[in-house]
Amino acid sequence: MDAVSRATRIRTLLSEWELRVGKGGVVGELLSRLAGNPFLTIKGSSKELGVAYTTIQRAVQKLEALEIVRQVSSGQRDRVYCALE
């Protein structure tokens, strides 16, 4: 897959996600970040966005419920999530 088709695929996927959850707020910001890096942690996202840990946690739970991300690490601490597709 060349860079142009990969970029087009990512943009299309991001647009589909935005239709499901909206563009604004913390969830929208997480979606934008997933386009650049499909992996995230709650702790890291909290620091990067300057938002409370629990706010990011709720946003990630929403993304999990919509099957946009899933936990790919084991354990209860420092969980790593990855965008699906």
N, C-alpha and C. Protein backbone atom coordinates (compact mmCIF):
# COMPACT_ATOMS: atom_id res chain seq x y z
N MET A 1 0.85 -1.17 0.00
CA MET A 1 0.00 0.00 0.00
C MET A 1 0.90 1.24 0.00
N ASP A 2 0.69 2.13 -0.93
CA ASP A 2 1.53 3.33 -0.99
C ASP A 2 1.04 4.39 -0.01
N ALA A 3 1.84 5.41 0.16
CA ALA A 3 1.56 6.44 1.17
C ALA A 3 0.26 7.19 0.90
N VAL A 4 -0.03 7.46 -0.35
CA VAL A 4 -1.25 8.21 -0.68
C VAL A 4 -2.49 7.38 -0.37
N SER A 5 -2.49 6.12 -0.73
CA SER A 5 -3.66 5.29 -0.45
C SER A 5 -3.80 5.04 1.05
N ARG A 6 -2.68 4.93 1.76
CA ARG A 6 -2.73 4.76 3.21
C ARG A 6 -3.32 6.02 3.87
N ALA A 7 -2.87 7.19 3.43
CA ALA A 7 -3.39 8.45 3.97
C ALA A 7 -4.88 8.60 3.68
N THR A 8 -5.29 8.21 2.49
CA THR A 8 -6.71 8.28 2.13
C THR A 8 -7.53 7.33 3.00
N ARG A 9 -7.01 6.14 3.22
CA ARG A 9 -7.71 5.17 4.07
C ARG A 9 -7.85 5.68 5.50
N ILE A 10 -6.78 6.27 6.03
CA ILE A 10 -6.82 6.80 7.40
C ILE A 10 -7.82 7.95 7.49
N ARG A 11 -7.82 8.83 6.52
CA ARG A 11 -8.75 9.97 6.52
C ARG A 11 -10.20 9.48 6.44
N THR A 12 -10.46 8.48 5.61
CA THR A 12 -11.81 7.92 5.49
C THR A 12 -12.25 7.29 6.81
N LEU A 13 -11.36 6.53 7.42
CA LEU A 13 -11.66 5.91 8.70
C LEU A 13 -11.93 6.95 9.77
N LEU A 14 -11.11 8.00 9.81
CA LEU A 14 -11.31 9.08 10.78
C LEU A 14 -12.66 9.75 10.58
N SER A 15 -13.04 9.97 9.34
CA SER A 15 -14.34 10.59 9.04
C SER A 15 -15.49 9.71 9.52
N GLU A 16 -15.36 8.40 9.33
CA GLU A 16 -16.39 7.47 9.81
C GLU A 16 -16.51 7.50 11.32
N TRP A 17 -15.36 7.52 11.99
CA TRP A 17 -15.37 7.60 13.46
C TRP A 17 -16.01 8.89 13.93
N GLU A 18 -15.67 10.02 13.28
CA GLU A 18 -16.22 11.31 13.67
C GLU A 18 -17.73 11.35 13.51
N LEU A 19 -18.24 10.68 12.50
CA LEU A 19 -19.69 10.60 12.32
C LEU A 19 -20.35 9.86 13.49
N ARG A 20 -19.64 8.88 14.03
CA ARG A 20 -20.19 8.08 15.13
C ARG A 20 -20.11 8.79 16.47
N VAL A 21 -19.05 9.59 16.70
CA VAL A 21 -18.86 10.20 18.02
C VAL A 21 -18.82 11.71 18.02
N GLY A 22 -18.73 12.32 16.86
CA GLY A 22 -18.62 13.77 16.78
C GLY A 22 -17.17 14.21 16.74
N LYS A 23 -16.96 15.48 16.39
CA LYS A 23 -15.61 16.00 16.23
C LYS A 23 -15.10 16.71 17.49
N GLY A 24 -15.99 17.17 18.32
CA GLY A 24 -15.59 18.01 19.43
C GLY A 24 -15.23 17.25 20.69
N GLY A 25 -14.75 17.98 21.65
CA GLY A 25 -14.47 17.44 22.97
C GLY A 25 -13.26 16.54 23.02
N VAL A 26 -13.11 15.91 24.14
CA VAL A 26 -11.96 15.04 24.39
C VAL A 26 -11.98 13.83 23.47
N VAL A 27 -13.16 13.26 23.24
CA VAL A 27 -13.25 12.09 22.36
C VAL A 27 -12.79 12.47 20.95
N GLY A 28 -13.22 13.61 20.47
CA GLY A 28 -12.80 14.07 19.15
C GLY A 28 -11.30 14.29 19.07
N GLU A 29 -10.72 14.83 20.13
CA GLU A 29 -9.28 15.05 20.15
C GLU A 29 -8.53 13.72 20.14
N LEU A 30 -9.04 12.75 20.89
CA LEU A 30 -8.41 11.42 20.86
C LEU A 30 -8.48 10.80 19.47
N LEU A 31 -9.61 10.98 18.80
CA LEU A 31 -9.73 10.44 17.44
C LEU A 31 -8.69 11.06 16.52
N SER A 32 -8.51 12.36 16.60
CA SER A 32 -7.51 13.03 15.76
C SER A 32 -6.12 12.48 16.03
N ARG A 33 -5.82 12.23 17.29
CA ARG A 33 -4.51 11.69 17.65
C ARG A 33 -4.33 10.25 17.15
N LEU A 34 -5.42 9.48 17.14
CA LEU A 34 -5.33 8.11 16.65
C LEU A 34 -4.99 8.05 15.17
N ALA A 35 -5.33 9.09 14.42
CA ALA A 35 -5.00 9.12 13.00
C ALA A 35 -3.48 9.17 12.80
N GLY A 36 -2.77 9.81 13.72
CA GLY A 36 -1.32 9.90 13.63
C GLY A 36 -0.59 8.75 14.28
N ASN A 37 -1.18 8.22 15.36
CA ASN A 37 -0.58 7.11 16.10
C ASN A 37 -1.73 6.27 16.64
N PRO A 38 -1.89 5.05 16.16
CA PRO A 38 -3.04 4.24 16.56
C PRO A 38 -3.00 3.72 17.99
N PHE A 39 -1.94 4.01 18.73
CA PHE A 39 -1.81 3.54 20.11
C PHE A 39 -1.95 4.71 21.08
N LEU A 40 -2.57 4.44 22.24
CA LEU A 40 -2.66 5.46 23.27
C LEU A 40 -2.72 4.82 24.64
N THR A 41 -2.35 5.61 25.63
CA THR A 41 -2.55 5.23 27.02
C THR A 41 -3.36 6.34 27.67
N ILE A 42 -4.08 6.01 28.71
CA ILE A 42 -4.88 7.01 29.40
C ILE A 42 -3.95 8.03 30.07
N LYS A 43 -2.93 7.55 30.73
CA LYS A 43 -1.99 8.43 31.42
C LYS A 43 -1.30 9.39 30.45
N GLY A 44 -0.81 8.85 29.35
CA GLY A 44 -0.12 9.68 28.35
C GLY A 44 -1.06 10.69 27.70
N SER A 45 -2.26 10.26 27.37
CA SER A 45 -3.23 11.16 26.75
C SER A 45 -3.64 12.26 27.72
N SER A 46 -3.76 11.92 28.99
CA SER A 46 -4.10 12.90 30.01
C SER A 46 -3.04 13.99 30.08
N LYS A 47 -1.78 13.59 30.07
CA LYS A 47 -0.68 14.56 30.12
C LYS A 47 -0.62 15.40 28.85
N GLU A 48 -0.73 14.75 27.69
CA GLU A 48 -0.63 15.46 26.41
C GLU A 48 -1.74 16.49 26.23
N LEU A 49 -2.94 16.13 26.65
CA LEU A 49 -4.09 17.02 26.45
C LEU A 49 -4.33 17.95 27.63
N GLY A 50 -3.64 17.70 28.73
CA GLY A 50 -3.85 18.53 29.92
C GLY A 50 -5.25 18.37 30.50
N VAL A 51 -5.75 17.13 30.45
CA VAL A 51 -7.10 16.81 30.89
C VAL A 51 -7.00 15.77 32.01
N ALA A 52 -7.95 15.79 32.92
CA ALA A 52 -7.95 14.85 34.04
C ALA A 52 -7.94 13.40 33.54
N TYR A 53 -7.25 12.56 34.29
CA TYR A 53 -7.15 11.13 33.99
C TYR A 53 -8.54 10.53 33.81
N THR A 54 -9.46 10.85 34.72
CA THR A 54 -10.81 10.25 34.66
C THR A 54 -11.58 10.70 33.42
N THR A 55 -11.32 11.91 32.95
CA THR A 55 -11.97 12.39 31.72
C THR A 55 -11.51 11.57 30.52
N ILE A 56 -10.21 11.33 30.43
CA ILE A 56 -9.67 10.50 29.35
C ILE A 56 -10.18 9.07 29.49
N GLN A 57 -10.24 8.59 30.72
CA GLN A 57 -10.72 7.23 30.96
C GLN A 57 -12.14 7.05 30.43
N ARG A 58 -13.01 8.01 30.70
CA ARG A 58 -14.39 7.94 30.20
C ARG A 58 -14.43 8.02 28.67
N ALA A 59 -13.58 8.85 28.08
CA ALA A 59 -13.53 8.97 26.63
C ALA A 59 -13.08 7.66 25.99
N VAL A 60 -12.08 7.02 26.58
CA VAL A 60 -11.58 5.74 26.06
C VAL A 60 -12.64 4.66 26.23
N GLN A 61 -13.35 4.68 27.34
CA GLN A 61 -14.44 3.71 27.53
C GLN A 61 -15.50 3.87 26.44
N LYS A 62 -15.79 5.11 26.08
CA LYS A 62 -16.75 5.36 25.00
C LYS A 62 -16.22 4.81 23.67
N LEU A 63 -14.95 5.05 23.40
CA LEU A 63 -14.35 4.53 22.16
C LEU A 63 -14.32 3.00 22.16
N GLU A 64 -14.10 2.41 23.31
CA GLU A 64 -14.15 0.95 23.41
C GLU A 64 -15.56 0.43 23.13
N ALA A 65 -16.56 1.08 23.72
CA ALA A 65 -17.94 0.65 23.54
C ALA A 65 -18.36 0.73 22.08
N LEU A 66 -17.80 1.71 21.35
CA LEU A 66 -18.11 1.87 19.93
C LEU A 66 -17.20 1.02 19.04
N GLU A 67 -16.33 0.24 19.68
CA GLU A 67 -15.39 -0.64 18.97
C GLU A 67 -14.47 0.14 18.03
N ILE A 68 -14.01 1.29 18.53
CA ILE A 68 -13.03 2.09 17.79
C ILE A 68 -11.63 1.78 18.30
N VAL A 69 -11.52 1.52 19.60
CA VAL A 69 -10.24 1.09 20.18
C VAL A 69 -10.49 -0.15 21.04
N ARG A 70 -9.40 -0.85 21.33
CA ARG A 70 -9.47 -1.96 22.29
C ARG A 70 -8.16 -2.02 23.05
N GLN A 71 -8.22 -2.58 24.23
CA GLN A 71 -7.03 -2.73 25.04
C GLN A 71 -6.18 -3.84 24.45
N VAL A 72 -4.88 -3.55 24.25
CA VAL A 72 -3.98 -4.54 23.66
C VAL A 72 -2.90 -4.99 24.64
N SER A 73 -2.88 -4.39 25.82
CA SER A 73 -1.92 -4.81 26.84
C SER A 73 -2.64 -5.65 27.89
N SER A 74 -1.88 -6.40 28.64
CA SER A 74 -2.49 -7.17 29.72
C SER A 74 -2.32 -6.40 31.02
N GLY A 75 -3.11 -6.74 31.97
CA GLY A 75 -2.99 -6.09 33.27
C GLY A 75 -3.94 -4.93 33.45
N GLN A 76 -3.91 -4.38 34.65
CA GLN A 76 -4.82 -3.30 35.01
C GLN A 76 -4.15 -1.93 35.02
N ARG A 77 -2.83 -1.89 35.03
CA ARG A 77 -2.12 -0.60 35.09
C ARG A 77 -1.47 -0.29 33.76
N ASP A 78 -1.39 1.00 33.46
CA ASP A 78 -0.72 1.46 32.24
C ASP A 78 -1.22 0.72 30.99
N ARG A 79 -2.50 0.64 30.88
CA ARG A 79 -3.12 -0.07 29.74
C ARG A 79 -2.80 0.65 28.44
N VAL A 80 -2.56 -0.14 27.41
CA VAL A 80 -2.33 0.39 26.07
C VAL A 80 -3.54 0.03 25.23
N TYR A 81 -4.03 1.01 24.49
CA TYR A 81 -5.19 0.82 23.62
C TYR A 81 -4.74 1.05 22.19
N CYS A 82 -5.39 0.35 21.26
CA CYS A 82 -5.06 0.48 19.85
C CYS A 82 -6.33 0.67 19.05
N ALA A 83 -6.25 1.55 18.04
CA ALA A 83 -7.38 1.75 17.15
C ALA A 83 -7.59 0.49 16.32
N LEU A 84 -8.84 0.13 16.14
CA LEU A 84 -9.18 -1.03 15.32
C LEU A 84 -9.24 -0.62 13.86
N GLU A 85 -9.02 -1.56 13.01
CA GLU A 85 -9.05 -1.40 11.55
C GLU A 85 -7.75 -0.82 11.13
